[in-house]
Each structure stands twice: as C-alpha cells, then as structure tokens.
mmCIF file of all heavy atoms, coordinates in Angstrom:
data_MODEL
# 
_entry.id   MODEL 
# 
loop_
_atom_site.group_PDB 
_atom_site.id 
_atom_site.type_symbol 
_atom_site.label_atom_id 
_atom_site.label_alt_id 
_atom_site.label_comp_id 
_atom_site.label_asym_id 
_atom_site.label_entity_id 
_atom_site.label_seq_id 
_atom_site.pdbx_PDB_ins_code 
_atom_site.Cartn_x 
_atom_site.Cartn_y 
_atom_site.Cartn_z 
_atom_site.occupancy 
_atom_site.B_iso_or_equiv 
_atom_site.pdbx_formal_charge 
_atom_site.auth_seq_id 
_atom_site.auth_comp_id 
_atom_site.auth_asym_id 
_atom_site.auth_atom_id 
_atom_site.pdbx_PDB_model_num 
ATOM 1   N N   . ASN A 1 1  ? 104.090 97.275  124.393 1.00 0.00 ? 1  ASN A N   1 
ATOM 2   C CA  . ASN A 1 1  ? 104.903 96.044  124.376 1.00 0.00 ? 1  ASN A CA  1 
ATOM 3   C C   . ASN A 1 1  ? 104.750 95.421  122.989 1.00 0.00 ? 1  ASN A C   1 
ATOM 4   O O   . ASN A 1 1  ? 103.702 94.898  122.596 1.00 0.00 ? 1  ASN A O   1 
ATOM 5   C CB  . ASN A 1 1  ? 104.379 95.094  125.431 1.00 0.00 ? 1  ASN A CB  1 
ATOM 6   C CG  . ASN A 1 1  ? 105.314 93.942  125.721 1.00 0.00 ? 1  ASN A CG  1 
ATOM 7   O OD1 . ASN A 1 1  ? 106.465 93.927  125.180 1.00 0.00 ? 1  ASN A OD1 1 
ATOM 8   N ND2 . ASN A 1 1  ? 104.905 92.939  126.463 1.00 0.00 ? 1  ASN A ND2 1 
ATOM 9   N N   . THR A 1 2  ? 105.817 95.496  122.223 1.00 0.00 ? 2  THR A N   1 
ATOM 10  C CA  . THR A 1 2  ? 105.736 95.277  120.791 1.00 0.00 ? 2  THR A CA  1 
ATOM 11  C C   . THR A 1 2  ? 106.042 93.841  120.396 1.00 0.00 ? 2  THR A C   1 
ATOM 12  O O   . THR A 1 2  ? 106.671 93.075  121.149 1.00 0.00 ? 2  THR A O   1 
ATOM 13  C CB  . THR A 1 2  ? 106.758 96.177  120.046 1.00 0.00 ? 2  THR A CB  1 
ATOM 14  O OG1 . THR A 1 2  ? 108.100 95.843  120.548 1.00 0.00 ? 2  THR A OG1 1 
ATOM 15  C CG2 . THR A 1 2  ? 106.447 97.635  120.301 1.00 0.00 ? 2  THR A CG2 1 
ATOM 16  N N   . CYS A 1 3  ? 105.584 93.488  119.175 1.00 0.00 ? 3  CYS A N   1 
ATOM 17  C CA  . CYS A 1 3  ? 105.957 92.213  118.543 1.00 0.00 ? 3  CYS A CA  1 
ATOM 18  C C   . CYS A 1 3  ? 106.821 92.490  117.371 1.00 0.00 ? 3  CYS A C   1 
ATOM 19  O O   . CYS A 1 3  ? 106.466 93.412  116.563 1.00 0.00 ? 3  CYS A O   1 
ATOM 20  C CB  . CYS A 1 3  ? 104.688 91.483  118.199 1.00 0.00 ? 3  CYS A CB  1 
ATOM 21  S SG  . CYS A 1 3  ? 104.998 89.873  117.314 1.00 0.00 ? 3  CYS A SG  1 
ATOM 22  N N   . GLY A 1 4  ? 107.865 91.736  117.133 1.00 0.00 ? 4  GLY A N   1 
ATOM 23  C CA  . GLY A 1 4  ? 108.740 91.959  116.039 1.00 0.00 ? 4  GLY A CA  1 
ATOM 24  C C   . GLY A 1 4  ? 108.937 90.676  115.237 1.00 0.00 ? 4  GLY A C   1 
ATOM 25  O O   . GLY A 1 4  ? 109.985 90.515  114.574 1.00 0.00 ? 4  GLY A O   1 
ATOM 26  N N   . PHE A 1 5  ? 107.977 89.776  115.245 1.00 0.00 ? 5  PHE A N   1 
ATOM 27  C CA  . PHE A 1 5  ? 108.145 88.414  114.726 1.00 0.00 ? 5  PHE A CA  1 
ATOM 28  C C   . PHE A 1 5  ? 108.023 88.382  113.227 1.00 0.00 ? 5  PHE A C   1 
ATOM 29  O O   . PHE A 1 5  ? 108.898 87.808  112.515 1.00 0.00 ? 5  PHE A O   1 
ATOM 30  C CB  . PHE A 1 5  ? 107.152 87.519  115.366 1.00 0.00 ? 5  PHE A CB  1 
ATOM 31  C CG  . PHE A 1 5  ? 107.268 86.028  114.997 1.00 0.00 ? 5  PHE A CG  1 
ATOM 32  C CD1 . PHE A 1 5  ? 108.523 85.463  114.947 1.00 0.00 ? 5  PHE A CD1 1 
ATOM 33  C CD2 . PHE A 1 5  ? 106.143 85.269  114.639 1.00 0.00 ? 5  PHE A CD2 1 
ATOM 34  C CE1 . PHE A 1 5  ? 108.719 84.100  114.554 1.00 0.00 ? 5  PHE A CE1 1 
ATOM 35  C CE2 . PHE A 1 5  ? 106.316 83.974  114.275 1.00 0.00 ? 5  PHE A CE2 1 
ATOM 36  C CZ  . PHE A 1 5  ? 107.546 83.343  114.232 1.00 0.00 ? 5  PHE A CZ  1 
ATOM 37  N N   . ILE A 1 6  ? 106.986 88.922  112.644 1.00 0.00 ? 6  ILE A N   1 
ATOM 38  C CA  . ILE A 1 6  ? 106.785 88.923  111.173 1.00 0.00 ? 6  ILE A CA  1 
ATOM 39  C C   . ILE A 1 6  ? 106.425 90.346  110.779 1.00 0.00 ? 6  ILE A C   1 
ATOM 40  O O   . ILE A 1 6  ? 106.098 91.199  111.584 1.00 0.00 ? 6  ILE A O   1 
ATOM 41  C CB  . ILE A 1 6  ? 105.724 87.916  110.710 1.00 0.00 ? 6  ILE A CB  1 
ATOM 42  C CG1 . ILE A 1 6  ? 104.370 88.188  111.398 1.00 0.00 ? 6  ILE A CG1 1 
ATOM 43  C CG2 . ILE A 1 6  ? 106.162 86.475  111.041 1.00 0.00 ? 6  ILE A CG2 1 
ATOM 44  C CD1 . ILE A 1 6  ? 103.275 87.334  110.936 1.00 0.00 ? 6  ILE A CD1 1 
ATOM 45  N N   . ASP A 1 7  ? 106.402 90.545  109.458 1.00 0.00 ? 7  ASP A N   1 
ATOM 46  C CA  . ASP A 1 7  ? 106.201 91.931  108.910 1.00 0.00 ? 7  ASP A CA  1 
ATOM 47  C C   . ASP A 1 7  ? 104.914 92.552  109.426 1.00 0.00 ? 7  ASP A C   1 
ATOM 48  O O   . ASP A 1 7  ? 104.866 93.716  109.783 1.00 0.00 ? 7  ASP A O   1 
ATOM 49  C CB  . ASP A 1 7  ? 106.226 91.896  107.400 1.00 0.00 ? 7  ASP A CB  1 
ATOM 50  C CG  . ASP A 1 7  ? 107.673 91.949  106.872 1.00 0.00 ? 7  ASP A CG  1 
ATOM 51  O OD1 . ASP A 1 7  ? 108.578 92.266  107.668 1.00 0.00 ? 7  ASP A OD1 1 
ATOM 52  O OD2 . ASP A 1 7  ? 107.840 91.628  105.666 1.00 0.00 ? 7  ASP A OD2 1 
ATOM 53  N N   . ASP A 1 8  ? 103.796 91.765  109.345 1.00 0.00 ? 8  ASP A N   1 
ATOM 54  C CA  . ASP A 1 8  ? 102.512 92.324  109.766 1.00 0.00 ? 8  ASP A CA  1 
ATOM 55  C C   . ASP A 1 8  ? 102.528 92.768  111.174 1.00 0.00 ? 8  ASP A C   1 
ATOM 56  O O   . ASP A 1 8  ? 101.951 93.801  111.557 1.00 0.00 ? 8  ASP A O   1 
ATOM 57  C CB  . ASP A 1 8  ? 101.389 91.305  109.505 1.00 0.00 ? 8  ASP A CB  1 
ATOM 58  C CG  . ASP A 1 8  ? 101.054 91.119  108.071 1.00 0.00 ? 8  ASP A CG  1 
ATOM 59  O OD1 . ASP A 1 8  ? 101.492 91.985  107.253 1.00 0.00 ? 8  ASP A OD1 1 
ATOM 60  O OD2 . ASP A 1 8  ? 100.309 90.137  107.738 1.00 0.00 ? 8  ASP A OD2 1 
ATOM 61  N N   . ALA A 1 9  ? 103.141 91.955  112.056 1.00 0.00 ? 9  ALA A N   1 
ATOM 62  C CA  . ALA A 1 9  ? 103.204 92.297  113.474 1.00 0.00 ? 9  ALA A CA  1 
ATOM 63  C C   . ALA A 1 9  ? 104.082 93.519  113.706 1.00 0.00 ? 9  ALA A C   1 
ATOM 64  O O   . ALA A 1 9  ? 103.749 94.395  114.514 1.00 0.00 ? 9  ALA A O   1 
ATOM 65  C CB  . ALA A 1 9  ? 103.783 91.155  114.258 1.00 0.00 ? 9  ALA A CB  1 
ATOM 66  N N   . LYS A 1 10 ? 105.234 93.583  112.945 1.00 0.00 ? 10 LYS A N   1 
ATOM 67  C CA  . LYS A 1 10 ? 106.068 94.786  113.099 1.00 0.00 ? 10 LYS A CA  1 
ATOM 68  C C   . LYS A 1 10 ? 105.352 96.037  112.637 1.00 0.00 ? 10 LYS A C   1 
ATOM 69  O O   . LYS A 1 10 ? 105.441 97.092  113.258 1.00 0.00 ? 10 LYS A O   1 
ATOM 70  C CB  . LYS A 1 10 ? 107.362 94.588  112.202 1.00 0.00 ? 10 LYS A CB  1 
ATOM 71  C CG  . LYS A 1 10 ? 108.358 93.624  112.898 1.00 0.00 ? 10 LYS A CG  1 
ATOM 72  C CD  . LYS A 1 10 ? 109.620 93.557  112.129 1.00 0.00 ? 10 LYS A CD  1 
ATOM 73  C CE  . LYS A 1 10 ? 109.538 92.745  110.907 1.00 0.00 ? 10 LYS A CE  1 
ATOM 74  N NZ  . LYS A 1 10 ? 110.838 92.521  110.209 1.00 0.00 ? 10 LYS A NZ  1 
ATOM 75  N N   . LYS A 1 11 ? 104.612 95.946  111.566 1.00 0.00 ? 11 LYS A N   1 
ATOM 76  C CA  . LYS A 1 11 ? 103.878 97.103  111.038 1.00 0.00 ? 11 LYS A CA  1 
ATOM 77  C C   . LYS A 1 11 ? 102.846 97.566  112.058 1.00 0.00 ? 11 LYS A C   1 
ATOM 78  O O   . LYS A 1 11 ? 102.695 98.762  112.330 1.00 0.00 ? 11 LYS A O   1 
ATOM 79  C CB  . LYS A 1 11 ? 103.205 96.779  109.707 1.00 0.00 ? 11 LYS A CB  1 
ATOM 80  C CG  . LYS A 1 11 ? 102.458 97.966  109.082 1.00 0.00 ? 11 LYS A CG  1 
ATOM 81  C CD  . LYS A 1 11 ? 101.812 97.558  107.706 1.00 0.00 ? 11 LYS A CD  1 
ATOM 82  C CE  . LYS A 1 11 ? 101.203 98.798  107.107 1.00 0.00 ? 11 LYS A CE  1 
ATOM 83  N NZ  . LYS A 1 11 ? 100.205 99.467  107.942 1.00 0.00 ? 11 LYS A NZ  1 
ATOM 84  N N   . GLU A 1 12 ? 102.126 96.612  112.619 1.00 0.00 ? 12 GLU A N   1 
ATOM 85  C CA  . GLU A 1 12 ? 101.157 96.962  113.686 1.00 0.00 ? 12 GLU A CA  1 
ATOM 86  C C   . GLU A 1 12 ? 101.812 97.683  114.837 1.00 0.00 ? 12 GLU A C   1 
ATOM 87  O O   . GLU A 1 12 ? 101.306 98.671  115.344 1.00 0.00 ? 12 GLU A O   1 
ATOM 88  C CB  . GLU A 1 12 ? 100.431 95.710  114.163 1.00 0.00 ? 12 GLU A CB  1 
ATOM 89  C CG  . GLU A 1 12 ? 99.345  95.981  115.244 1.00 0.00 ? 12 GLU A CG  1 
ATOM 90  C CD  . GLU A 1 12 ? 98.731  94.759  115.816 1.00 0.00 ? 12 GLU A CD  1 
ATOM 91  O OE1 . GLU A 1 12 ? 99.328  93.707  115.709 1.00 0.00 ? 12 GLU A OE1 1 
ATOM 92  O OE2 . GLU A 1 12 ? 97.605  94.876  116.396 1.00 0.00 ? 12 GLU A OE2 1 
ATOM 93  N N   . SER A 1 13 ? 102.957 97.172  115.240 1.00 0.00 ? 13 SER A N   1 
ATOM 94  C CA  . SER A 1 13 ? 103.684 97.764  116.347 1.00 0.00 ? 13 SER A CA  1 
ATOM 95  C C   . SER A 1 13 ? 104.066 99.219  116.029 1.00 0.00 ? 13 SER A C   1 
ATOM 96  O O   . SER A 1 13 ? 103.927 100.102 116.825 1.00 0.00 ? 13 SER A O   1 
ATOM 97  C CB  . SER A 1 13 ? 104.928 96.933  116.742 1.00 0.00 ? 13 SER A CB  1 
ATOM 98  O OG  . SER A 1 13 ? 104.512 95.671  117.276 1.00 0.00 ? 13 SER A OG  1 
ATOM 99  N N   . ILE A 1 14 ? 104.669 99.381  114.866 1.00 0.00 ? 14 ILE A N   1 
ATOM 100 C CA  . ILE A 1 14 ? 105.187 100.688 114.406 1.00 0.00 ? 14 ILE A CA  1 
ATOM 101 C C   . ILE A 1 14 ? 103.993 101.669 114.321 1.00 0.00 ? 14 ILE A C   1 
ATOM 102 O O   . ILE A 1 14 ? 104.103 102.782 114.715 1.00 0.00 ? 14 ILE A O   1 
ATOM 103 C CB  . ILE A 1 14 ? 105.869 100.588 113.036 1.00 0.00 ? 14 ILE A CB  1 
ATOM 104 C CG1 . ILE A 1 14 ? 107.186 99.835  113.208 1.00 0.00 ? 14 ILE A CG1 1 
ATOM 105 C CG2 . ILE A 1 14 ? 106.085 102.001 112.456 1.00 0.00 ? 14 ILE A CG2 1 
ATOM 106 C CD1 . ILE A 1 14 ? 108.304 100.461 113.893 1.00 0.00 ? 14 ILE A CD1 1 
ATOM 107 N N   . ASP A 1 15 ? 102.844 101.241 113.724 1.00 0.00 ? 15 ASP A N   1 
ATOM 108 C CA  . ASP A 1 15 ? 101.684 102.065 113.628 1.00 0.00 ? 15 ASP A CA  1 
ATOM 109 C C   . ASP A 1 15 ? 101.261 102.597 114.954 1.00 0.00 ? 15 ASP A C   1 
ATOM 110 O O   . ASP A 1 15 ? 100.965 103.818 115.118 1.00 0.00 ? 15 ASP A O   1 
ATOM 111 C CB  . ASP A 1 15 ? 100.552 101.380 112.905 1.00 0.00 ? 15 ASP A CB  1 
ATOM 112 C CG  . ASP A 1 15 ? 100.782 101.158 111.432 1.00 0.00 ? 15 ASP A CG  1 
ATOM 113 O OD1 . ASP A 1 15 ? 101.692 101.768 110.870 1.00 0.00 ? 15 ASP A OD1 1 
ATOM 114 O OD2 . ASP A 1 15 ? 100.055 100.346 110.861 1.00 0.00 ? 15 ASP A OD2 1 
ATOM 115 N N   . HIS A 1 16 ? 101.188 101.715 115.978 1.00 0.00 ? 16 HIS A N   1 
ATOM 116 C CA  . HIS A 1 16 ? 100.789 102.195 117.324 1.00 0.00 ? 16 HIS A CA  1 
ATOM 117 C C   . HIS A 1 16 ? 101.840 103.083 117.920 1.00 0.00 ? 16 HIS A C   1 
ATOM 118 O O   . HIS A 1 16 ? 101.501 104.096 118.580 1.00 0.00 ? 16 HIS A O   1 
ATOM 119 C CB  . HIS A 1 16 ? 100.591 100.946 118.218 1.00 0.00 ? 16 HIS A CB  1 
ATOM 120 C CG  . HIS A 1 16 ? 99.323  100.225 118.003 1.00 0.00 ? 16 HIS A CG  1 
ATOM 121 N ND1 . HIS A 1 16 ? 98.085  100.770 118.299 1.00 0.00 ? 16 HIS A ND1 1 
ATOM 122 C CD2 . HIS A 1 16 ? 99.038  98.977  117.479 1.00 0.00 ? 16 HIS A CD2 1 
ATOM 123 C CE1 . HIS A 1 16 ? 97.085  99.938  117.996 1.00 0.00 ? 16 HIS A CE1 1 
ATOM 124 N NE2 . HIS A 1 16 ? 97.682  98.816  117.523 1.00 0.00 ? 16 HIS A NE2 1 
ATOM 125 N N   . ILE A 1 17 ? 103.130 102.820 117.719 1.00 0.00 ? 17 ILE A N   1 
ATOM 126 C CA  . ILE A 1 17 ? 104.106 103.705 118.239 1.00 0.00 ? 17 ILE A CA  1 
ATOM 127 C C   . ILE A 1 17 ? 104.051 105.118 117.671 1.00 0.00 ? 17 ILE A C   1 
ATOM 128 O O   . ILE A 1 17 ? 104.082 106.105 118.364 1.00 0.00 ? 17 ILE A O   1 
ATOM 129 C CB  . ILE A 1 17 ? 105.578 103.139 117.981 1.00 0.00 ? 17 ILE A CB  1 
ATOM 130 C CG1 . ILE A 1 17 ? 105.773 101.822 118.760 1.00 0.00 ? 17 ILE A CG1 1 
ATOM 131 C CG2 . ILE A 1 17 ? 106.627 104.146 118.343 1.00 0.00 ? 17 ILE A CG2 1 
ATOM 132 C CD1 . ILE A 1 17 ? 106.998 101.043 118.347 1.00 0.00 ? 17 ILE A CD1 1 
ATOM 133 N N   . LEU A 1 18 ? 103.818 105.169 116.323 1.00 0.00 ? 18 LEU A N   1 
ATOM 134 C CA  . LEU A 1 18 ? 103.741 106.489 115.691 1.00 0.00 ? 18 LEU A CA  1 
ATOM 135 C C   . LEU A 1 18 ? 102.469 107.204 116.109 1.00 0.00 ? 18 LEU A C   1 
ATOM 136 O O   . LEU A 1 18 ? 102.505 108.437 116.310 1.00 0.00 ? 18 LEU A O   1 
ATOM 137 C CB  . LEU A 1 18 ? 103.687 106.254 114.169 1.00 0.00 ? 18 LEU A CB  1 
ATOM 138 C CG  . LEU A 1 18 ? 105.014 105.778 113.508 1.00 0.00 ? 18 LEU A CG  1 
ATOM 139 C CD1 . LEU A 1 18 ? 104.806 105.472 112.035 1.00 0.00 ? 18 LEU A CD1 1 
ATOM 140 C CD2 . LEU A 1 18 ? 106.112 106.796 113.712 1.00 0.00 ? 18 LEU A CD2 1 
ATOM 141 N N   . GLU A 1 19 ? 101.420 106.480 116.412 1.00 0.00 ? 19 GLU A N   1 
ATOM 142 C CA  . GLU A 1 19 ? 100.195 107.143 116.896 1.00 0.00 ? 19 GLU A CA  1 
ATOM 143 C C   . GLU A 1 19 ? 100.432 107.745 118.209 1.00 0.00 ? 19 GLU A C   1 
ATOM 144 O O   . GLU A 1 19 ? 100.032 108.846 118.470 1.00 0.00 ? 19 GLU A O   1 
ATOM 145 C CB  . GLU A 1 19 ? 99.082  106.052 116.962 1.00 0.00 ? 19 GLU A CB  1 
ATOM 146 C CG  . GLU A 1 19 ? 97.678  106.588 117.339 1.00 0.00 ? 19 GLU A CG  1 
ATOM 147 C CD  . GLU A 1 19 ? 96.688  105.478 117.366 1.00 0.00 ? 19 GLU A CD  1 
ATOM 148 O OE1 . GLU A 1 19 ? 96.991  104.304 117.118 1.00 0.00 ? 19 GLU A OE1 1 
ATOM 149 O OE2 . GLU A 1 19 ? 95.533  105.792 117.629 1.00 0.00 ? 19 GLU A OE2 1 
ATOM 150 N N   . VAL A 1 20 ? 101.087 107.039 119.113 1.00 0.00 ? 20 VAL A N   1 
ATOM 151 C CA  . VAL A 1 20 ? 101.301 107.603 120.446 1.00 0.00 ? 20 VAL A CA  1 
ATOM 152 C C   . VAL A 1 20 ? 102.432 108.627 120.417 1.00 0.00 ? 20 VAL A C   1 
ATOM 153 O O   . VAL A 1 20 ? 102.388 109.585 121.204 1.00 0.00 ? 20 VAL A O   1 
ATOM 154 C CB  . VAL A 1 20 ? 101.655 106.418 121.462 1.00 0.00 ? 20 VAL A CB  1 
ATOM 155 C CG1 . VAL A 1 20 ? 101.949 107.012 122.806 1.00 0.00 ? 20 VAL A CG1 1 
ATOM 156 C CG2 . VAL A 1 20 ? 100.491 105.408 121.554 1.00 0.00 ? 20 VAL A CG2 1 
ATOM 157 N N   . ALA A 1 21 ? 103.375 108.462 119.516 1.00 0.00 ? 21 ALA A N   1 
ATOM 158 C CA  . ALA A 1 21 ? 104.458 109.507 119.382 1.00 0.00 ? 21 ALA A CA  1 
ATOM 159 C C   . ALA A 1 21 ? 103.837 110.863 119.027 1.00 0.00 ? 21 ALA A C   1 
ATOM 160 O O   . ALA A 1 21 ? 104.373 111.877 119.447 1.00 0.00 ? 21 ALA A O   1 
ATOM 161 C CB  . ALA A 1 21 ? 105.469 109.063 118.336 1.00 0.00 ? 21 ALA A CB  1 
ATOM 162 N N   . LYS A 1 22 ? 102.743 110.847 118.289 1.00 0.00 ? 22 LYS A N   1 
ATOM 163 C CA  . LYS A 1 22 ? 102.092 112.061 117.903 1.00 0.00 ? 22 LYS A CA  1 
ATOM 164 C C   . LYS A 1 22 ? 101.538 112.725 119.178 1.00 0.00 ? 22 LYS A C   1 
ATOM 165 O O   . LYS A 1 22 ? 101.623 113.935 119.381 1.00 0.00 ? 22 LYS A O   1 
ATOM 166 C CB  . LYS A 1 22 ? 100.996 111.803 116.888 1.00 0.00 ? 22 LYS A CB  1 
ATOM 167 C CG  . LYS A 1 22 ? 100.346 113.101 116.314 1.00 0.00 ? 22 LYS A CG  1 
ATOM 168 C CD  . LYS A 1 22 ? 99.247  112.790 115.330 1.00 0.00 ? 22 LYS A CD  1 
ATOM 169 C CE  . LYS A 1 22 ? 99.856  112.141 114.052 1.00 0.00 ? 22 LYS A CE  1 
ATOM 170 N NZ  . LYS A 1 22 ? 98.758  111.933 113.029 1.00 0.00 ? 22 LYS A NZ  1 
ATOM 171 N N   . LEU A 1 23 ? 100.922 111.914 120.037 1.00 0.00 ? 23 LEU A N   1 
ATOM 172 C CA  . LEU A 1 23 ? 100.413 112.447 121.308 1.00 0.00 ? 23 LEU A CA  1 
ATOM 173 C C   . LEU A 1 23 ? 101.539 112.983 122.202 1.00 0.00 ? 23 LEU A C   1 
ATOM 174 O O   . LEU A 1 23 ? 101.398 114.033 122.795 1.00 0.00 ? 23 LEU A O   1 
ATOM 175 C CB  . LEU A 1 23 ? 99.703  111.351 122.094 1.00 0.00 ? 23 LEU A CB  1 
ATOM 176 C CG  . LEU A 1 23 ? 98.482  110.694 121.459 1.00 0.00 ? 23 LEU A CG  1 
ATOM 177 C CD1 . LEU A 1 23 ? 97.956  109.554 122.317 1.00 0.00 ? 23 LEU A CD1 1 
ATOM 178 C CD2 . LEU A 1 23 ? 97.360  111.707 121.187 1.00 0.00 ? 23 LEU A CD2 1 
ATOM 179 N N   . ARG A 1 24 ? 102.680 112.305 122.118 1.00 0.00 ? 24 ARG A N   1 
ATOM 180 C CA  . ARG A 1 24 ? 103.850 112.736 122.869 1.00 0.00 ? 24 ARG A CA  1 
ATOM 181 C C   . ARG A 1 24 ? 104.338 114.075 122.351 1.00 0.00 ? 24 ARG A C   1 
ATOM 182 O O   . ARG A 1 24 ? 104.655 115.017 123.133 1.00 0.00 ? 24 ARG A O   1 
ATOM 183 C CB  . ARG A 1 24 ? 104.979 111.673 122.809 1.00 0.00 ? 24 ARG A CB  1 
ATOM 184 C CG  . ARG A 1 24 ? 106.251 112.079 123.489 1.00 0.00 ? 24 ARG A CG  1 
ATOM 185 C CD  . ARG A 1 24 ? 106.163 111.982 124.987 1.00 0.00 ? 24 ARG A CD  1 
ATOM 186 N NE  . ARG A 1 24 ? 107.415 112.231 125.620 1.00 0.00 ? 24 ARG A NE  1 
ATOM 187 C CZ  . ARG A 1 24 ? 107.837 113.428 126.051 1.00 0.00 ? 24 ARG A CZ  1 
ATOM 188 N NH1 . ARG A 1 24 ? 107.102 114.514 125.870 1.00 0.00 ? 24 ARG A NH1 1 
ATOM 189 N NH2 . ARG A 1 24 ? 108.965 113.565 126.631 1.00 0.00 ? 24 ARG A NH2 1 
# 
C-alpha cells in the first residue's frame, strides 16, 4: 500500500515494489 505524496515517499514505495518484484 504505497504513498505518492512527496519524492522521498515515492522512492520508498518504488524501492519496496522493486524488491518484491524480484521475488515475483
């Protein structure tokens, strides 16, 4: 469940998505 409010929050969300995408 992502946050897209500011750059730092977006980067954190993208980092977690990419980490789990690798598992996928």
